[in-house]
N, C-alpha and C. Protein backbone atom coordinates (compact mmCIF):
# COMPACT_ATOMS: atom_id res chain seq x y z
N MET A 1 -128.48 -28.25 -56.36
CA MET A 1 -127.43 -29.12 -55.86
C MET A 1 -126.25 -28.26 -55.39
N MET A 2 -125.60 -28.71 -54.38
CA MET A 2 -124.49 -27.96 -53.82
C MET A 2 -123.19 -28.32 -54.54
N ALA A 3 -122.20 -27.48 -54.35
CA ALA A 3 -120.89 -27.72 -54.96
C ALA A 3 -120.30 -29.03 -54.45
N THR A 4 -119.61 -29.72 -55.34
CA THR A 4 -118.90 -30.93 -54.93
C THR A 4 -117.46 -30.80 -55.37
N ASP A 5 -116.59 -31.55 -54.77
CA ASP A 5 -115.19 -31.58 -55.17
C ASP A 5 -114.65 -32.97 -54.89
N ALA A 6 -113.36 -33.13 -54.95
CA ALA A 6 -112.74 -34.44 -54.78
C ALA A 6 -112.99 -35.02 -53.39
N LEU A 7 -113.33 -34.19 -52.43
CA LEU A 7 -113.54 -34.67 -51.07
C LEU A 7 -114.58 -35.78 -51.01
N ASP A 8 -115.72 -35.58 -51.69
CA ASP A 8 -116.77 -36.59 -51.56
C ASP A 8 -116.43 -37.89 -52.29
N ASN A 9 -115.41 -37.89 -53.15
CA ASN A 9 -114.96 -39.14 -53.76
C ASN A 9 -114.15 -39.97 -52.78
N GLU A 10 -113.74 -39.38 -51.69
CA GLU A 10 -112.94 -40.08 -50.69
C GLU A 10 -113.75 -40.38 -49.43
N ILE A 11 -115.06 -40.21 -49.52
CA ILE A 11 -115.94 -40.49 -48.40
C ILE A 11 -116.93 -41.55 -48.86
N ARG A 12 -117.07 -42.60 -48.07
CA ARG A 12 -117.96 -43.70 -48.44
C ARG A 12 -119.04 -43.85 -47.38
N VAL A 13 -120.23 -44.19 -47.84
CA VAL A 13 -121.36 -44.45 -46.95
C VAL A 13 -121.79 -45.90 -47.14
N ASP A 14 -121.81 -46.66 -46.04
CA ASP A 14 -122.31 -48.04 -46.06
C ASP A 14 -123.57 -48.10 -45.20
N VAL A 15 -124.55 -48.87 -45.66
CA VAL A 15 -125.80 -49.00 -44.92
C VAL A 15 -126.13 -50.48 -44.75
N GLU A 16 -126.52 -50.87 -43.54
CA GLU A 16 -126.91 -52.24 -43.22
C GLU A 16 -128.33 -52.23 -42.65
N PRO A 17 -129.34 -52.58 -43.47
CA PRO A 17 -130.71 -52.62 -42.97
C PRO A 17 -131.03 -53.97 -42.30
N VAL A 18 -131.93 -53.92 -41.30
CA VAL A 18 -132.36 -55.12 -40.58
C VAL A 18 -133.85 -55.03 -40.32
N PHE A 19 -134.59 -56.11 -40.64
CA PHE A 19 -136.01 -56.17 -40.32
C PHE A 19 -136.16 -56.42 -38.83
N ARG A 20 -137.01 -55.65 -38.16
CA ARG A 20 -137.20 -55.75 -36.70
C ARG A 20 -138.52 -56.48 -36.43
N LYS A 21 -138.47 -57.80 -36.50
CA LYS A 21 -139.66 -58.63 -36.34
C LYS A 21 -140.39 -58.34 -35.03
N GLU A 22 -139.62 -58.20 -33.93
CA GLU A 22 -140.22 -58.01 -32.62
C GLU A 22 -140.97 -56.69 -32.48
N GLU A 23 -140.67 -55.71 -33.33
CA GLU A 23 -141.35 -54.41 -33.28
C GLU A 23 -142.43 -54.26 -34.34
N SER A 24 -142.50 -55.23 -35.24
CA SER A 24 -143.44 -55.15 -36.37
C SER A 24 -144.75 -55.84 -36.05
N SER A 25 -145.79 -55.40 -36.74
CA SER A 25 -147.13 -56.00 -36.64
C SER A 25 -147.70 -56.13 -38.04
N PRO A 26 -147.31 -57.18 -38.77
CA PRO A 26 -147.79 -57.34 -40.15
C PRO A 26 -149.31 -57.30 -40.28
N ASP A 27 -150.03 -57.83 -39.29
CA ASP A 27 -151.50 -57.81 -39.34
C ASP A 27 -152.04 -56.38 -39.32
N GLU A 28 -151.25 -55.46 -38.78
CA GLU A 28 -151.66 -54.05 -38.71
C GLU A 28 -150.96 -53.20 -39.78
N GLY A 29 -150.23 -53.85 -40.71
CA GLY A 29 -149.53 -53.10 -41.75
C GLY A 29 -148.38 -52.26 -41.20
N ARG A 30 -147.67 -52.81 -40.23
CA ARG A 30 -146.55 -52.09 -39.61
C ARG A 30 -145.30 -52.97 -39.70
N TYR A 31 -144.35 -52.52 -40.52
CA TYR A 31 -143.10 -53.23 -40.72
C TYR A 31 -141.97 -52.29 -40.32
N VAL A 32 -141.24 -52.68 -39.27
CA VAL A 32 -140.20 -51.81 -38.72
C VAL A 32 -138.83 -52.33 -39.17
N PHE A 33 -138.02 -51.40 -39.64
CA PHE A 33 -136.65 -51.70 -40.06
C PHE A 33 -135.70 -50.77 -39.32
N SER A 34 -134.58 -51.32 -38.91
CA SER A 34 -133.50 -50.45 -38.45
C SER A 34 -132.47 -50.44 -39.57
N TYR A 35 -131.69 -49.39 -39.60
CA TYR A 35 -130.58 -49.34 -40.56
C TYR A 35 -129.41 -48.66 -39.89
N THR A 36 -128.26 -49.28 -40.05
CA THR A 36 -127.03 -48.74 -39.48
C THR A 36 -126.22 -48.14 -40.61
N VAL A 37 -125.90 -46.86 -40.46
CA VAL A 37 -125.14 -46.13 -41.47
C VAL A 37 -123.73 -45.91 -40.93
N THR A 38 -122.73 -46.17 -41.76
CA THR A 38 -121.35 -45.88 -41.42
C THR A 38 -120.79 -44.96 -42.48
N VAL A 39 -120.31 -43.80 -42.05
CA VAL A 39 -119.67 -42.84 -42.95
C VAL A 39 -118.17 -42.97 -42.72
N HIS A 40 -117.44 -43.30 -43.79
CA HIS A 40 -115.98 -43.47 -43.73
C HIS A 40 -115.34 -42.26 -44.40
N ASN A 41 -114.52 -41.53 -43.67
CA ASN A 41 -113.83 -40.36 -44.24
C ASN A 41 -112.38 -40.73 -44.53
N ALA A 42 -112.09 -41.06 -45.80
CA ALA A 42 -110.72 -41.41 -46.20
C ALA A 42 -110.00 -40.22 -46.81
N SER A 43 -110.58 -39.04 -46.68
CA SER A 43 -109.94 -37.84 -47.22
C SER A 43 -108.94 -37.28 -46.21
N GLY A 44 -108.24 -36.27 -46.61
CA GLY A 44 -107.30 -35.61 -45.71
C GLY A 44 -107.91 -34.42 -45.01
N HIS A 45 -109.24 -34.27 -45.12
CA HIS A 45 -109.95 -33.12 -44.55
C HIS A 45 -110.97 -33.57 -43.52
N SER A 46 -111.20 -32.73 -42.54
CA SER A 46 -112.32 -32.97 -41.62
C SER A 46 -113.59 -32.51 -42.30
N MET A 47 -114.68 -33.14 -41.93
CA MET A 47 -115.98 -32.77 -42.49
C MET A 47 -117.00 -32.78 -41.37
N GLN A 48 -118.09 -32.06 -41.59
CA GLN A 48 -119.20 -32.10 -40.64
C GLN A 48 -120.46 -32.43 -41.41
N LEU A 49 -121.23 -33.36 -40.87
CA LEU A 49 -122.51 -33.74 -41.44
C LEU A 49 -123.55 -32.80 -40.84
N LEU A 50 -124.18 -31.98 -41.69
CA LEU A 50 -125.10 -30.95 -41.21
C LEU A 50 -126.57 -31.34 -41.29
N ALA A 51 -126.94 -32.06 -42.36
CA ALA A 51 -128.37 -32.35 -42.58
C ALA A 51 -128.52 -33.64 -43.37
N ARG A 52 -129.75 -34.16 -43.36
CA ARG A 52 -130.06 -35.39 -44.09
C ARG A 52 -131.31 -35.19 -44.93
N HIS A 53 -131.39 -35.96 -45.99
CA HIS A 53 -132.59 -36.02 -46.82
C HIS A 53 -132.77 -37.47 -47.24
N TRP A 54 -133.88 -38.06 -46.82
CA TRP A 54 -134.20 -39.44 -47.18
C TRP A 54 -135.44 -39.46 -48.06
N LYS A 55 -135.41 -40.32 -49.04
CA LYS A 55 -136.60 -40.62 -49.86
C LYS A 55 -136.89 -42.10 -49.62
N ILE A 56 -138.07 -42.37 -49.06
CA ILE A 56 -138.47 -43.73 -48.73
C ILE A 56 -139.62 -44.11 -49.66
N THR A 57 -139.38 -45.11 -50.50
CA THR A 57 -140.41 -45.58 -51.42
C THR A 57 -140.89 -46.93 -50.93
N GLN A 58 -142.17 -46.99 -50.57
CA GLN A 58 -142.74 -48.23 -50.06
C GLN A 58 -143.17 -49.12 -51.23
N GLY A 59 -143.32 -50.39 -50.95
CA GLY A 59 -143.75 -51.33 -51.98
C GLY A 59 -145.07 -50.95 -52.61
N SER A 60 -145.91 -50.24 -51.87
CA SER A 60 -147.21 -49.79 -52.37
C SER A 60 -147.07 -48.64 -53.36
N GLY A 61 -145.85 -48.08 -53.46
CA GLY A 61 -145.63 -46.93 -54.33
C GLY A 61 -145.65 -45.60 -53.58
N LYS A 62 -146.12 -45.61 -52.36
CA LYS A 62 -146.15 -44.39 -51.54
C LYS A 62 -144.72 -43.91 -51.30
N VAL A 63 -144.50 -42.61 -51.47
CA VAL A 63 -143.18 -42.03 -51.27
C VAL A 63 -143.23 -41.04 -50.12
N GLN A 64 -142.28 -41.15 -49.22
CA GLN A 64 -142.17 -40.23 -48.09
C GLN A 64 -140.78 -39.61 -48.15
N GLU A 65 -140.71 -38.31 -47.92
CA GLU A 65 -139.42 -37.64 -47.87
C GLU A 65 -139.21 -37.10 -46.46
N VAL A 66 -138.00 -37.29 -45.95
CA VAL A 66 -137.66 -36.86 -44.61
C VAL A 66 -136.43 -35.96 -44.72
N ARG A 67 -136.54 -34.77 -44.17
CA ARG A 67 -135.41 -33.83 -44.14
C ARG A 67 -135.22 -33.35 -42.71
N GLY A 68 -133.99 -33.10 -42.35
CA GLY A 68 -133.76 -32.58 -41.01
C GLY A 68 -132.30 -32.29 -40.76
N LYS A 69 -132.07 -31.61 -39.66
CA LYS A 69 -130.70 -31.32 -39.25
C LYS A 69 -130.03 -32.58 -38.76
N GLY A 70 -128.79 -32.78 -39.17
CA GLY A 70 -127.97 -33.86 -38.65
C GLY A 70 -128.61 -35.23 -38.72
N VAL A 71 -128.12 -36.11 -37.87
CA VAL A 71 -128.64 -37.48 -37.75
C VAL A 71 -128.69 -37.83 -36.28
N VAL A 72 -129.72 -38.50 -35.85
CA VAL A 72 -129.94 -38.91 -34.46
C VAL A 72 -129.58 -37.80 -33.47
N GLY A 73 -129.99 -36.59 -33.80
CA GLY A 73 -129.78 -35.46 -32.90
C GLY A 73 -128.36 -34.89 -32.88
N LYS A 74 -127.53 -35.31 -33.82
CA LYS A 74 -126.13 -34.86 -33.85
C LYS A 74 -125.79 -34.29 -35.23
N GLN A 75 -124.80 -33.41 -35.23
CA GLN A 75 -124.18 -32.93 -36.46
C GLN A 75 -122.70 -33.25 -36.33
N PRO A 76 -122.36 -34.52 -36.55
CA PRO A 76 -121.01 -34.99 -36.20
C PRO A 76 -119.89 -34.42 -37.07
N MET A 77 -118.76 -34.20 -36.42
CA MET A 77 -117.51 -33.88 -37.11
C MET A 77 -116.83 -35.23 -37.35
N ILE A 78 -116.32 -35.42 -38.57
CA ILE A 78 -115.65 -36.68 -38.91
C ILE A 78 -114.27 -36.31 -39.47
N GLY A 79 -113.26 -36.62 -38.70
CA GLY A 79 -111.89 -36.26 -39.08
C GLY A 79 -111.31 -37.19 -40.13
N PRO A 80 -110.15 -36.82 -40.67
CA PRO A 80 -109.48 -37.67 -41.65
C PRO A 80 -109.22 -39.06 -41.08
N GLY A 81 -109.58 -40.08 -41.85
CA GLY A 81 -109.38 -41.46 -41.42
C GLY A 81 -110.38 -41.96 -40.39
N GLN A 82 -111.35 -41.14 -40.01
CA GLN A 82 -112.33 -41.56 -39.01
C GLN A 82 -113.62 -42.05 -39.65
N THR A 83 -114.42 -42.73 -38.83
CA THR A 83 -115.75 -43.14 -39.26
C THR A 83 -116.76 -42.65 -38.22
N PHE A 84 -117.98 -42.52 -38.68
CA PHE A 84 -119.09 -42.19 -37.79
C PHE A 84 -120.19 -43.20 -38.09
N ARG A 85 -120.73 -43.82 -37.05
CA ARG A 85 -121.78 -44.84 -37.23
C ARG A 85 -122.97 -44.49 -36.36
N TYR A 86 -124.16 -44.68 -36.91
CA TYR A 86 -125.37 -44.50 -36.14
C TYR A 86 -126.43 -45.46 -36.66
N THR A 87 -127.44 -45.70 -35.83
CA THR A 87 -128.56 -46.55 -36.21
C THR A 87 -129.85 -45.77 -36.04
N SER A 88 -130.74 -45.92 -37.02
CA SER A 88 -132.04 -45.28 -36.97
C SER A 88 -133.08 -46.29 -37.46
N ARG A 89 -134.33 -45.82 -37.60
CA ARG A 89 -135.42 -46.73 -37.97
C ARG A 89 -136.30 -46.12 -39.05
N ALA A 90 -136.98 -47.00 -39.75
CA ALA A 90 -138.01 -46.61 -40.71
C ALA A 90 -139.18 -47.57 -40.52
N ILE A 91 -140.38 -47.04 -40.60
CA ILE A 91 -141.58 -47.86 -40.45
C ILE A 91 -142.34 -47.81 -41.76
N LEU A 92 -142.58 -48.99 -42.34
CA LEU A 92 -143.28 -49.10 -43.62
C LEU A 92 -144.65 -49.73 -43.41
N ASP A 93 -145.51 -49.55 -44.42
CA ASP A 93 -146.84 -50.16 -44.36
C ASP A 93 -146.88 -51.52 -45.05
N GLY A 94 -145.76 -51.94 -45.61
CA GLY A 94 -145.66 -53.24 -46.27
C GLY A 94 -144.28 -53.82 -46.03
N PRO A 95 -144.06 -55.07 -46.49
CA PRO A 95 -142.82 -55.76 -46.17
C PRO A 95 -141.60 -55.37 -47.00
N VAL A 96 -141.78 -54.53 -48.01
CA VAL A 96 -140.63 -54.12 -48.82
C VAL A 96 -140.65 -52.62 -49.10
N GLY A 97 -139.47 -52.10 -49.31
CA GLY A 97 -139.32 -50.69 -49.66
C GLY A 97 -137.88 -50.40 -50.03
N VAL A 98 -137.66 -49.18 -50.45
CA VAL A 98 -136.32 -48.74 -50.83
C VAL A 98 -136.08 -47.37 -50.21
N MET A 99 -134.89 -47.18 -49.65
CA MET A 99 -134.49 -45.87 -49.14
C MET A 99 -133.28 -45.40 -49.91
N GLU A 100 -133.21 -44.10 -50.12
CA GLU A 100 -132.04 -43.47 -50.71
C GLU A 100 -132.02 -42.04 -50.24
N GLY A 101 -130.90 -41.37 -50.41
CA GLY A 101 -130.87 -40.00 -49.94
C GLY A 101 -129.53 -39.35 -50.09
N ALA A 102 -129.31 -38.34 -49.26
CA ALA A 102 -128.06 -37.61 -49.29
C ALA A 102 -127.87 -36.89 -47.97
N TYR A 103 -126.62 -36.66 -47.65
CA TYR A 103 -126.26 -35.85 -46.50
C TYR A 103 -125.69 -34.53 -47.02
N THR A 104 -126.06 -33.44 -46.38
CA THR A 104 -125.44 -32.16 -46.66
C THR A 104 -124.30 -32.02 -45.67
N CYS A 105 -123.10 -31.82 -46.22
CA CYS A 105 -121.90 -31.77 -45.39
C CYS A 105 -121.13 -30.50 -45.72
N VAL A 106 -120.12 -30.24 -44.90
CA VAL A 106 -119.21 -29.13 -45.17
C VAL A 106 -117.79 -29.61 -44.90
N ASP A 107 -116.90 -29.26 -45.80
CA ASP A 107 -115.47 -29.48 -45.61
C ASP A 107 -115.03 -28.41 -44.63
N THR A 108 -114.64 -28.79 -43.43
CA THR A 108 -114.37 -27.80 -42.39
C THR A 108 -113.07 -27.03 -42.63
N THR A 109 -112.23 -27.53 -43.54
CA THR A 109 -111.00 -26.80 -43.88
C THR A 109 -111.30 -25.63 -44.81
N THR A 110 -112.08 -25.91 -45.86
CA THR A 110 -112.36 -24.88 -46.88
C THR A 110 -113.71 -24.21 -46.67
N GLN A 111 -114.54 -24.77 -45.80
CA GLN A 111 -115.92 -24.31 -45.56
C GLN A 111 -116.81 -24.48 -46.79
N ARG A 112 -116.39 -25.34 -47.71
CA ARG A 112 -117.20 -25.62 -48.90
C ARG A 112 -118.24 -26.69 -48.59
N PRO A 113 -119.50 -26.40 -48.87
CA PRO A 113 -120.55 -27.42 -48.67
C PRO A 113 -120.52 -28.43 -49.82
N PHE A 114 -120.98 -29.64 -49.53
CA PHE A 114 -121.10 -30.65 -50.57
C PHE A 114 -122.19 -31.64 -50.18
N GLU A 115 -122.72 -32.30 -51.18
CA GLU A 115 -123.73 -33.34 -50.98
C GLU A 115 -123.03 -34.69 -51.01
N LEU A 116 -123.34 -35.54 -50.06
CA LEU A 116 -122.81 -36.90 -50.00
C LEU A 116 -123.98 -37.85 -50.25
N PRO A 117 -124.06 -38.42 -51.46
CA PRO A 117 -125.21 -39.27 -51.78
C PRO A 117 -125.18 -40.60 -51.03
N VAL A 118 -126.37 -41.11 -50.75
CA VAL A 118 -126.53 -42.45 -50.18
C VAL A 118 -127.27 -43.27 -51.22
N ALA A 119 -126.60 -44.27 -51.76
CA ALA A 119 -127.18 -45.11 -52.81
C ALA A 119 -128.43 -45.82 -52.30
N PRO A 120 -129.36 -46.12 -53.19
CA PRO A 120 -130.58 -46.84 -52.77
C PRO A 120 -130.23 -48.17 -52.09
N PHE A 121 -130.96 -48.45 -51.01
CA PHE A 121 -130.83 -49.75 -50.35
C PHE A 121 -132.21 -50.28 -50.05
N ARG A 122 -132.31 -51.60 -50.08
CA ARG A 122 -133.61 -52.28 -49.97
C ARG A 122 -133.93 -52.64 -48.53
N LEU A 123 -135.18 -52.43 -48.18
CA LEU A 123 -135.73 -52.87 -46.90
C LEU A 123 -136.66 -54.03 -47.25
N ALA A 124 -136.39 -55.19 -46.71
CA ALA A 124 -137.21 -56.36 -47.05
C ALA A 124 -137.47 -57.20 -45.80
N GLY A 125 -138.75 -57.47 -45.55
CA GLY A 125 -139.14 -58.30 -44.43
C GLY A 125 -138.92 -59.78 -44.74
N PRO A 126 -139.40 -60.62 -43.86
CA PRO A 126 -139.20 -62.06 -44.03
C PRO A 126 -139.92 -62.59 -45.28
N ASN A 127 -139.33 -63.60 -45.88
CA ASN A 127 -139.90 -64.29 -47.03
C ASN A 127 -140.07 -63.39 -48.25
N GLN A 128 -139.27 -62.34 -48.33
CA GLN A 128 -139.30 -61.45 -49.50
C GLN A 128 -138.10 -61.77 -50.37
N VAL A 129 -138.29 -61.70 -51.67
CA VAL A 129 -137.19 -61.96 -52.58
C VAL A 129 -136.22 -60.79 -52.51
N HIS A 130 -134.94 -61.09 -52.35
CA HIS A 130 -133.92 -60.03 -52.26
C HIS A 130 -133.35 -59.76 -53.62
């Protein structure tokens, strides 16, 4: 785990998942979800999001891990009081799952790296208990 400090206590991550019925094919075991992530930087420091790590647990128990540079092809700088929002997708083999993860970031003032956790959020298709 990377060093953390008070900076990550002033940064919030919100996630809004949506089932994409028009892109899904339940008969073929294909359930598509989009999720919109908003990173709110309420600290007095600029930060840069360098990498992501997602753990996707499907209802079947299958676990997939995704790691990569940045998000949606970017390594955004997020200044004090700014937000960064992006939308991405996940494809599951069943109607329910859970995603969680973390972003690797750097405080651009001190050059200190830190992990910004993303709390677990549920992906649920139609007629699933929330």
